[in-house]
N, C-alpha and C. Protein backbone atom coordinates (compact mmCIF):
# COMPACT_ATOMS: atom_id res chain seq x y z
N MET A 1 20.50 50.44 -77.68
CA MET A 1 20.88 49.31 -77.72
C MET A 1 20.31 49.29 -79.09
N LYS A 2 20.82 48.94 -80.34
CA LYS A 2 20.45 48.73 -81.44
C LYS A 2 20.05 47.03 -82.12
N LYS A 3 19.14 46.63 -82.47
CA LYS A 3 18.93 45.77 -82.79
C LYS A 3 19.05 44.41 -81.53
N GLY A 4 18.32 45.00 -80.78
CA GLY A 4 19.26 43.91 -79.36
C GLY A 4 20.64 43.60 -78.97
N MET A 5 21.23 44.37 -79.66
CA MET A 5 22.79 44.10 -79.30
C MET A 5 22.80 45.80 -78.59
N LEU A 6 23.89 45.77 -77.59
CA LEU A 6 24.35 47.02 -76.84
C LEU A 6 25.78 47.93 -78.15
N THR A 7 25.23 48.84 -78.03
CA THR A 7 25.98 49.91 -79.02
C THR A 7 27.57 50.17 -78.01
N GLN A 8 28.57 50.23 -78.93
CA GLN A 8 29.94 50.26 -78.69
C GLN A 8 30.06 51.11 -76.95
N ARG A 9 29.29 52.02 -77.37
CA ARG A 9 29.75 53.11 -76.12
C ARG A 9 28.78 52.12 -75.00
N GLU A 10 27.24 51.36 -74.96
CA GLU A 10 27.30 51.13 -73.61
C GLU A 10 28.02 49.78 -73.43
N GLU A 11 28.41 49.21 -74.51
CA GLU A 11 29.34 47.85 -74.06
C GLU A 11 30.32 48.77 -72.92
N GLU A 12 30.79 50.30 -73.53
CA GLU A 12 31.97 50.57 -72.44
C GLU A 12 31.99 50.84 -70.88
N LEU A 13 30.74 51.65 -71.32
CA LEU A 13 30.56 51.58 -69.84
C LEU A 13 29.66 50.76 -69.25
N MET A 14 29.29 49.72 -69.47
CA MET A 14 29.27 48.67 -68.69
C MET A 14 29.91 47.90 -68.25
N GLN A 15 31.34 47.96 -69.05
CA GLN A 15 32.60 47.27 -68.47
C GLN A 15 33.44 48.06 -67.98
N ALA A 16 33.07 49.70 -67.98
CA ALA A 16 33.93 50.61 -66.44
C ALA A 16 32.86 50.22 -65.38
N LEU A 17 32.07 49.74 -65.68
CA LEU A 17 31.05 50.26 -63.97
C LEU A 17 31.03 48.89 -63.73
N LEU A 18 31.33 47.54 -64.38
CA LEU A 18 31.28 46.21 -63.58
C LEU A 18 32.73 46.28 -62.98
N ALA A 19 34.05 47.03 -63.32
CA ALA A 19 35.43 46.30 -63.58
C ALA A 19 35.57 47.68 -62.24
N GLN A 20 34.53 48.70 -62.20
CA GLN A 20 34.47 49.35 -60.74
C GLN A 20 34.15 48.22 -59.01
N ARG A 21 33.39 47.27 -60.20
CA ARG A 21 32.85 46.43 -58.54
C ARG A 21 33.67 45.18 -58.91
N GLY A 22 34.49 45.30 -59.88
CA GLY A 22 35.68 44.06 -59.59
C GLY A 22 35.01 43.19 -60.25
N ILE A 23 34.45 43.06 -61.50
CA ILE A 23 33.96 42.20 -62.16
C ILE A 23 34.37 42.27 -63.35
N THR A 24 35.18 41.68 -63.84
CA THR A 24 35.99 41.48 -65.42
C THR A 24 35.84 40.21 -66.50
N THR A 25 35.01 39.43 -65.46
CA THR A 25 34.68 38.51 -66.64
C THR A 25 33.05 38.24 -66.39
N TYR A 26 32.91 38.42 -67.43
CA TYR A 26 30.94 38.31 -66.99
C TYR A 26 30.26 38.50 -68.74
N GLN A 27 28.93 37.93 -68.50
CA GLN A 27 28.27 38.22 -69.89
C GLN A 27 26.89 38.93 -69.01
N LEU A 28 26.20 39.35 -70.31
CA LEU A 28 24.77 39.94 -70.07
C LEU A 28 23.66 38.70 -70.99
N PHE A 29 22.78 38.98 -69.97
CA PHE A 29 21.79 38.03 -70.19
C PHE A 29 20.83 38.35 -69.97
N ASP A 30 19.98 37.95 -71.01
CA ASP A 30 18.34 38.87 -70.78
C ASP A 30 18.76 39.86 -71.06
N VAL A 31 19.14 40.89 -71.42
CA VAL A 31 18.85 42.21 -71.06
C VAL A 31 17.71 42.81 -72.03
N THR A 32 17.13 43.74 -71.52
CA THR A 32 15.86 44.69 -71.96
C THR A 32 15.88 46.07 -72.50
N GLN A 33 15.81 46.06 -72.98
CA GLN A 33 15.40 48.25 -73.31
C GLN A 33 14.23 48.76 -72.23
N GLU A 34 14.73 49.76 -71.60
CA GLU A 34 13.99 50.37 -70.60
C GLU A 34 13.21 51.96 -71.70
N GLY A 35 13.37 52.03 -72.53
CA GLY A 35 12.68 53.33 -73.41
C GLY A 35 13.60 54.30 -73.25
N LYS A 36 14.87 54.83 -72.40
CA LYS A 36 15.04 55.88 -71.70
C LYS A 36 16.12 56.51 -72.20
N GLN A 37 16.68 57.46 -73.21
CA GLN A 37 17.72 57.78 -73.42
C GLN A 37 18.41 58.46 -72.36
N LEU A 38 19.76 57.94 -72.31
CA LEU A 38 20.53 58.56 -71.13
C LEU A 38 21.67 60.43 -71.92
N PRO A 39 21.96 60.74 -71.26
CA PRO A 39 23.55 61.42 -71.67
C PRO A 39 24.44 60.89 -71.79
N GLY A 40 25.02 61.29 -72.67
CA GLY A 40 26.54 60.99 -73.01
C GLY A 40 26.54 60.12 -74.38
N SER A 41 25.20 60.60 -74.92
CA SER A 41 25.12 59.65 -75.95
C SER A 41 25.84 60.82 -77.36
N THR A 42 25.96 60.83 -78.19
CA THR A 42 26.64 61.53 -79.58
C THR A 42 25.92 61.46 -80.91
N PHE A 43 25.06 60.35 -80.62
CA PHE A 43 24.11 60.34 -81.52
C PHE A 43 23.27 59.42 -80.90
N PRO A 44 21.46 59.60 -81.31
CA PRO A 44 20.18 59.60 -80.76
C PRO A 44 20.32 57.57 -80.41
N TRP A 45 19.94 57.62 -79.01
CA TRP A 45 19.61 56.09 -78.02
C TRP A 45 21.27 55.72 -78.87
N GLU A 46 22.16 56.50 -78.76
CA GLU A 46 23.45 55.75 -78.23
C GLU A 46 23.77 55.13 -76.94
N ILE A 47 23.27 55.51 -75.97
CA ILE A 47 22.99 55.23 -73.88
C ILE A 47 21.90 55.26 -73.95
N GLU A 48 21.25 54.28 -73.37
CA GLU A 48 19.83 53.96 -73.75
C GLU A 48 20.02 52.87 -71.95
N SER A 49 18.76 53.90 -70.89
CA SER A 49 18.38 52.27 -70.16
C SER A 49 18.29 51.25 -70.34
N MET A 50 18.83 50.23 -69.82
CA MET A 50 18.49 48.66 -70.09
C MET A 50 18.53 48.01 -68.79
N SER A 51 17.82 47.00 -68.48
CA SER A 51 17.88 46.13 -67.34
C SER A 51 18.40 44.76 -67.94
N GLY A 52 18.64 43.92 -66.67
CA GLY A 52 19.46 42.34 -67.27
C GLY A 52 19.82 41.60 -65.91
N TYR A 53 20.92 40.93 -66.72
CA TYR A 53 21.53 40.36 -65.60
C TYR A 53 22.94 39.74 -66.10
N VAL A 54 23.50 39.93 -65.13
CA VAL A 54 25.45 40.07 -65.06
C VAL A 54 25.76 38.86 -64.66
N VAL A 55 25.80 37.74 -65.64
CA VAL A 55 26.31 36.29 -64.88
C VAL A 55 28.24 36.59 -65.24
N THR A 56 28.41 35.78 -63.92
CA THR A 56 29.53 36.09 -63.63
C THR A 56 30.32 34.51 -64.11
N PRO A 57 31.21 34.01 -63.80
CA PRO A 57 31.56 32.25 -63.46
C PRO A 57 31.10 31.92 -62.20
N THR A 58 30.93 32.69 -61.08
CA THR A 58 30.14 32.29 -59.91
C THR A 58 28.99 32.85 -59.54
N ASN A 59 28.72 34.15 -59.75
CA ASN A 59 27.45 34.30 -59.41
C ASN A 59 26.41 35.41 -60.60
N VAL A 60 25.14 35.42 -60.68
CA VAL A 60 24.41 36.60 -60.90
C VAL A 60 23.78 37.50 -60.39
N TYR A 61 23.70 38.44 -61.05
CA TYR A 61 23.55 39.79 -60.57
C TYR A 61 22.58 40.64 -61.35
N ARG A 62 21.55 40.98 -60.61
CA ARG A 62 20.52 41.88 -61.33
C ARG A 62 21.03 43.28 -61.38
N PHE A 63 20.36 44.10 -62.89
CA PHE A 63 20.91 45.36 -63.01
C PHE A 63 19.91 45.97 -63.37
N TRP A 64 19.76 47.80 -63.69
CA TRP A 64 19.19 48.72 -64.24
C TRP A 64 20.18 49.89 -64.72
N LEU A 65 20.83 49.85 -65.73
CA LEU A 65 21.27 51.12 -66.25
C LEU A 65 20.46 52.29 -66.37
N ASP A 66 21.11 52.84 -65.30
CA ASP A 66 20.52 54.13 -65.70
C ASP A 66 21.24 55.13 -65.39
N TRP A 67 20.77 56.66 -65.26
CA TRP A 67 21.72 57.95 -65.00
C TRP A 67 20.85 58.60 -63.47
N PHE A 68 21.27 58.78 -62.32
CA PHE A 68 21.47 59.06 -61.48
C PHE A 68 22.33 60.15 -60.62
N GLU A 69 21.40 61.35 -60.51
CA GLU A 69 22.37 62.35 -59.71
C GLU A 69 24.01 62.68 -60.28
N GLY A 70 23.88 62.73 -61.96
CA GLY A 70 24.97 62.93 -61.91
C GLY A 70 25.96 61.54 -62.86
N HIS A 71 25.65 60.46 -62.64
CA HIS A 71 26.42 59.67 -62.57
C HIS A 71 25.42 58.66 -63.29
N TYR A 72 26.08 57.63 -64.06
CA TYR A 72 25.78 56.04 -64.60
C TYR A 72 25.87 55.73 -63.00
N THR A 73 24.71 54.44 -63.26
CA THR A 73 24.26 53.85 -62.26
C THR A 73 24.27 52.23 -62.78
N LEU A 74 23.91 51.38 -61.89
CA LEU A 74 23.75 50.07 -62.71
C LEU A 74 22.17 49.58 -61.15
N GLY A 75 22.02 50.58 -60.45
CA GLY A 75 20.54 50.02 -59.93
C GLY A 75 21.12 50.30 -58.22
N GLU A 76 22.13 50.69 -58.03
CA GLU A 76 22.31 50.07 -56.33
C GLU A 76 21.64 51.06 -55.43
N GLU A 77 21.46 52.65 -56.09
CA GLU A 77 20.81 53.44 -55.31
C GLU A 77 19.13 53.00 -54.77
N ASP A 78 18.94 52.38 -55.33
CA ASP A 78 17.41 51.67 -55.86
C ASP A 78 17.11 49.99 -55.44
N GLY A 79 18.20 49.99 -55.10
CA GLY A 79 18.23 48.49 -54.67
C GLY A 79 18.33 46.98 -55.90
N ILE A 80 18.44 47.44 -56.76
CA ILE A 80 18.37 47.04 -58.29
C ILE A 80 19.03 46.24 -58.18
N TRP A 81 20.40 46.93 -58.33
CA TRP A 81 21.93 45.66 -58.54
C TRP A 81 22.05 45.01 -57.11
N ARG A 82 22.07 43.85 -57.38
CA ARG A 82 22.10 43.27 -56.40
C ARG A 82 21.94 41.39 -56.99
N GLU A 83 23.12 40.46 -55.65
CA GLU A 83 23.45 39.34 -56.16
C GLU A 83 21.86 38.41 -56.12
N MET A 84 22.03 37.52 -57.24
CA MET A 84 20.31 36.61 -57.41
C MET A 84 21.04 34.98 -57.26
N ALA A 85 19.95 34.52 -56.72
CA ALA A 85 19.73 33.01 -56.89
C ALA A 85 20.37 32.61 -58.00
N ILE A 86 20.60 31.21 -58.64
CA ILE A 86 21.21 31.13 -59.99
C ILE A 86 19.73 31.54 -61.07
N GLU A 87 18.89 30.86 -60.41
CA GLU A 87 17.45 30.76 -61.03
C GLU A 87 17.16 32.61 -61.56
N VAL A 88 17.07 32.15 -62.63
CA VAL A 88 16.62 33.81 -63.20
C VAL A 88 15.59 33.58 -63.64
N PRO A 89 14.30 34.59 -63.34
CA PRO A 89 12.62 34.61 -63.33
C PRO A 89 12.66 34.11 -64.80
N GLY A 90 11.71 33.35 -65.13
CA GLY A 90 11.28 32.83 -66.65
C GLY A 90 12.31 32.38 -67.07
N ARG A 91 13.09 31.54 -66.86
CA ARG A 91 13.91 31.09 -67.44
C ARG A 91 14.86 30.46 -67.06
N ASP A 92 15.15 29.27 -67.71
CA ASP A 92 15.39 27.91 -67.27
C ASP A 92 17.23 28.06 -66.63
N LYS A 93 17.27 27.52 -65.79
CA LYS A 93 18.88 27.63 -64.72
C LYS A 93 19.74 27.04 -65.60
N ASN A 94 19.34 25.97 -66.40
CA ASN A 94 20.59 25.30 -67.33
C ASN A 94 20.63 26.66 -67.94
N GLU A 95 20.82 27.33 -68.19
CA GLU A 95 20.89 28.16 -69.10
C GLU A 95 22.25 29.63 -68.94
N VAL A 96 21.77 29.82 -67.57
CA VAL A 96 22.34 30.43 -66.97
C VAL A 96 23.89 29.71 -66.49
N LEU A 97 23.24 28.42 -66.03
CA LEU A 97 25.10 27.38 -65.63
C LEU A 97 25.85 27.20 -66.92
N GLN A 98 25.22 27.18 -68.19
CA GLN A 98 25.87 26.92 -69.11
C GLN A 98 26.71 28.10 -69.40
N ILE A 99 26.45 29.18 -69.34
CA ILE A 99 27.01 30.40 -69.22
C ILE A 99 28.41 30.69 -68.02
N GLN A 100 27.87 30.27 -67.03
CA GLN A 100 29.03 30.11 -65.96
C GLN A 100 29.85 29.37 -66.95
N GLN A 101 29.62 28.15 -67.16
CA GLN A 101 30.69 27.47 -67.04
C GLN A 101 31.63 27.47 -68.40
N GLN A 102 31.22 28.45 -69.31
CA GLN A 102 31.87 29.15 -70.47
C GLN A 102 32.79 29.68 -69.97
N LEU A 103 32.05 30.87 -69.39
CA LEU A 103 32.78 31.76 -68.57
C LEU A 103 34.30 31.10 -68.16
N ARG A 104 34.26 30.27 -67.18
CA ARG A 104 35.27 29.76 -66.40
C ARG A 104 36.46 28.62 -67.07
N LEU A 105 35.47 28.79 -68.78
CA LEU A 105 37.11 28.14 -69.69
C LEU A 105 37.94 29.13 -69.68
């Protein structure tokens, strides 16, 4: 991430990982840098571990982008990747509902 925005490579990686799970319409929400550079970068910090939420038109998922045993992961191996209730901890439920409504347009 650079200045709070995903790099192009991170965006491509997230898109591919989510597409493997059948998720093609989404918005990332409340994304936080986790301070670990991941393999595959062509310049320093091009791909960094990060955590946050994937909001789809109908669901919310928790993720942690990381590297595990030779591949990128969204946190499946340790249970971080999971469907969440609409209420994101520490955030207004209406923020998520508004994102979902925009994604349905």
